[in-house]
């Protein structure tokens, strides 16, 4: 966010009122002058609603991976629109980081799946769901003889 904000600042700091009006930046200027205000290209302001957290590790890791891919796609689109090398270089750097983050979240997902009961890891939230008959969890799935799927 800091890098993108710095780029926006560098691109807008010396704009004249005529350039602001001609570029369509005038509506933004009315509310924020030339200050950096995080918002989507369509004008929707950033809020904490952009973050997702369910408390289910598998769901949250998939959400994290999707967010990294969406950010990478945004950077790809910026690179298609912009030819200024002072803008492209940091955007390429950020794009590379999104790829690395996606890979690390994927590794975390694989480790998580390897440690969960392989019969169940898409069927329940391992932090809360338990066998109703034996109160077993994936972490303590030994010795269950009730016929449930919590057995290893």
Protein backbone atom coordinates (compact mmCIF):
# COMPACT_ATOMS: atom_id res chain seq x y z
CA UNK A 1 0.00 0.00 0.00
CA UNK A 2 2.84 2.34 0.86
CA UNK A 3 4.55 1.78 -2.50
CA UNK A 4 1.36 2.29 -4.48
CA UNK A 5 0.57 5.41 -2.44
CA UNK A 6 4.04 6.79 -3.17
CA UNK A 7 3.55 6.17 -6.90
CA UNK A 8 0.19 7.97 -6.86
CA UNK A 9 1.76 10.87 -4.98
CA UNK A 10 4.64 11.12 -7.47
CA UNK A 11 2.23 11.09 -10.42
CA UNK A 12 -0.13 13.72 -8.99
CA UNK A 13 2.00 16.11 -6.93
CA UNK A 14 2.60 18.65 -9.71
CA UNK A 15 -0.76 18.53 -11.49
CA UNK A 16 -2.29 21.83 -12.51
CA UNK A 17 -6.03 22.47 -12.06
CA UNK A 18 -6.44 22.14 -15.84
CA UNK A 19 -4.74 18.72 -15.83
CA UNK A 20 -6.86 17.63 -12.88
CA UNK A 21 -10.08 18.58 -14.67
CA UNK A 22 -9.01 17.21 -18.08
CA UNK A 23 -7.99 13.84 -16.62
CA UNK A 24 -11.26 13.28 -14.76
CA UNK A 25 -9.40 13.50 -11.45
CA UNK A 26 -11.55 16.45 -10.34
CA UNK A 27 -14.11 14.45 -8.35
CA UNK A 28 -11.33 12.76 -6.39
CA UNK A 29 -9.61 16.15 -5.91
CA UNK A 30 -12.74 17.68 -4.40
CA UNK A 31 -12.76 15.08 -1.61
CA UNK A 32 -9.05 14.42 -1.09
CA UNK A 33 -7.07 17.18 -2.84
CA UNK A 34 -3.95 15.26 -3.90
CA UNK A 35 -3.83 13.11 -0.77
CA UNK A 36 -3.67 9.37 -1.16
CA UNK A 37 -7.05 7.81 -0.36
CA UNK A 38 -7.18 4.03 -0.89
CA UNK A 39 -9.98 3.09 -3.24
CA UNK A 40 -10.67 0.76 -6.14
CA UNK A 41 -10.39 2.02 -9.70
CA UNK A 42 -14.19 2.28 -9.76
CA UNK A 43 -14.11 4.70 -6.81
CA UNK A 44 -15.15 2.29 -4.04
CA UNK A 45 -13.17 3.22 -0.89
CA UNK A 46 -11.08 0.62 0.88
CA UNK A 47 -12.60 -0.83 4.04
CA UNK A 48 -11.88 -3.77 6.29
CA UNK A 49 -14.65 -5.56 4.37
CA UNK A 50 -11.98 -6.40 1.80
CA UNK A 51 -10.47 -8.84 4.31
CA UNK A 52 -12.06 -12.22 4.81
CA UNK A 53 -11.59 -14.47 7.82
CA UNK A 54 -13.77 -17.43 8.69
CA UNK A 55 -11.71 -19.14 11.38
CA UNK A 56 -11.50 -22.25 9.19
CA UNK A 57 -7.85 -22.62 8.23
CA UNK A 58 -8.52 -24.21 4.84
CA UNK A 59 -11.13 -21.63 3.86
CA UNK A 60 -8.88 -18.79 5.01
CA UNK A 61 -5.82 -20.11 3.15
CA UNK A 62 -7.84 -20.41 -0.08
CA UNK A 63 -9.09 -16.84 0.49
CA UNK A 64 -5.50 -15.66 1.00
CA UNK A 65 -4.39 -17.39 -2.20
CA UNK A 66 -7.28 -15.84 -4.13
CA UNK A 67 -6.40 -12.37 -2.78
CA UNK A 68 -2.80 -12.77 -3.96
CA UNK A 69 -3.98 -13.77 -7.43
CA UNK A 70 -6.42 -10.84 -7.59
CA UNK A 71 -3.62 -8.44 -6.63
CA UNK A 72 -1.35 -9.98 -9.28
CA UNK A 73 -4.10 -9.53 -11.88
CA UNK A 74 -4.48 -5.88 -10.86
CA UNK A 75 -0.74 -5.33 -11.29
CA UNK A 76 -0.85 -7.09 -14.68
CA UNK A 77 -3.62 -4.70 -15.75
CA UNK A 78 -1.67 -1.66 -14.54
CA UNK A 79 1.36 -2.83 -16.51
CA UNK A 80 -0.80 -3.12 -19.65
CA UNK A 81 -1.97 0.49 -19.24
CA UNK A 82 1.22 2.24 -18.13
CA UNK A 83 4.51 2.70 -19.93
CA UNK A 84 6.30 4.98 -17.44
CA UNK A 85 9.40 3.04 -16.28
CA UNK A 86 9.27 4.76 -12.85
CA UNK A 87 5.79 3.30 -12.35
CA UNK A 88 6.36 -0.07 -14.02
CA UNK A 89 9.48 -1.03 -12.04
CA UNK A 90 7.86 -0.96 -8.57
CA UNK A 91 4.63 -2.48 -9.93
CA UNK A 92 6.66 -5.39 -11.38
CA UNK A 93 8.33 -5.80 -7.98
CA UNK A 94 4.94 -5.89 -6.23
CA UNK A 95 3.64 -8.36 -8.82
CA UNK A 96 6.58 -10.69 -8.12
CA UNK A 97 5.83 -10.51 -4.39
CA UNK A 98 2.21 -11.55 -5.02
CA UNK A 99 3.45 -14.64 -6.85
CA UNK A 100 5.75 -15.55 -3.95
CA UNK A 101 2.97 -14.96 -1.41
CA UNK A 102 0.62 -17.17 -3.43
CA UNK A 103 3.24 -19.94 -3.43
CA UNK A 104 3.84 -19.64 0.35
CA UNK A 105 0.10 -19.77 1.11
CA UNK A 106 -0.12 -22.83 -1.17
CA UNK A 107 2.67 -24.49 0.81
CA UNK A 108 0.86 -23.68 4.06
CA UNK A 109 -2.32 -25.22 2.63
CA UNK A 110 -0.47 -28.42 1.67
CA UNK A 111 1.11 -28.68 5.14
CA UNK A 112 -2.29 -28.14 6.74
CA UNK A 113 -3.93 -30.77 4.56
CA UNK A 114 -1.13 -33.24 5.30
CA UNK A 115 -1.67 -32.82 9.04
CA UNK A 116 -5.46 -33.17 8.96
CA UNK A 117 -7.39 -36.40 8.68
CA UNK A 118 -7.31 -36.96 4.92
CA UNK A 119 -10.85 -38.36 4.88
CA UNK A 120 -12.32 -35.19 6.33
CA UNK A 121 -10.31 -32.11 5.51
CA UNK A 122 -12.94 -30.60 3.20
CA UNK A 123 -15.92 -31.74 5.27
CA UNK A 124 -15.53 -29.87 8.55
CA UNK A 125 -13.81 -27.09 10.43
CA UNK A 126 -11.07 -28.95 12.30
CA UNK A 127 -10.93 -26.30 15.00
CA UNK A 128 -14.52 -26.87 16.11
CA UNK A 129 -16.22 -29.89 14.57
CA UNK A 130 -16.06 -33.09 16.58
CA UNK A 131 -17.52 -36.55 16.31
CA UNK A 132 -20.88 -36.48 18.14
CA UNK A 133 -20.44 -40.05 19.37
CA UNK A 134 -16.85 -39.99 20.62
CA UNK A 135 -15.95 -36.29 20.85
CA UNK A 136 -12.82 -37.07 18.84
CA UNK A 137 -11.03 -34.40 16.83
CA UNK A 138 -8.58 -34.88 13.95
CA UNK A 139 -5.73 -34.16 16.36
CA UNK A 140 -6.92 -36.94 18.70
CA UNK A 141 -8.42 -39.40 16.22
CA UNK A 142 -6.97 -42.58 17.64
CA UNK A 143 -9.08 -45.23 19.32
CA UNK A 144 -12.46 -44.16 17.95
CA UNK A 145 -14.61 -47.23 17.26
CA UNK A 146 -17.96 -45.60 16.66
CA UNK A 147 -17.64 -45.94 12.87
CA UNK A 148 -17.36 -42.22 12.21
CA UNK A 149 -14.98 -40.63 9.71
CA UNK A 150 -12.76 -39.18 12.45
CA UNK A 151 -10.73 -42.40 12.49
CA UNK A 152 -7.29 -42.39 10.85
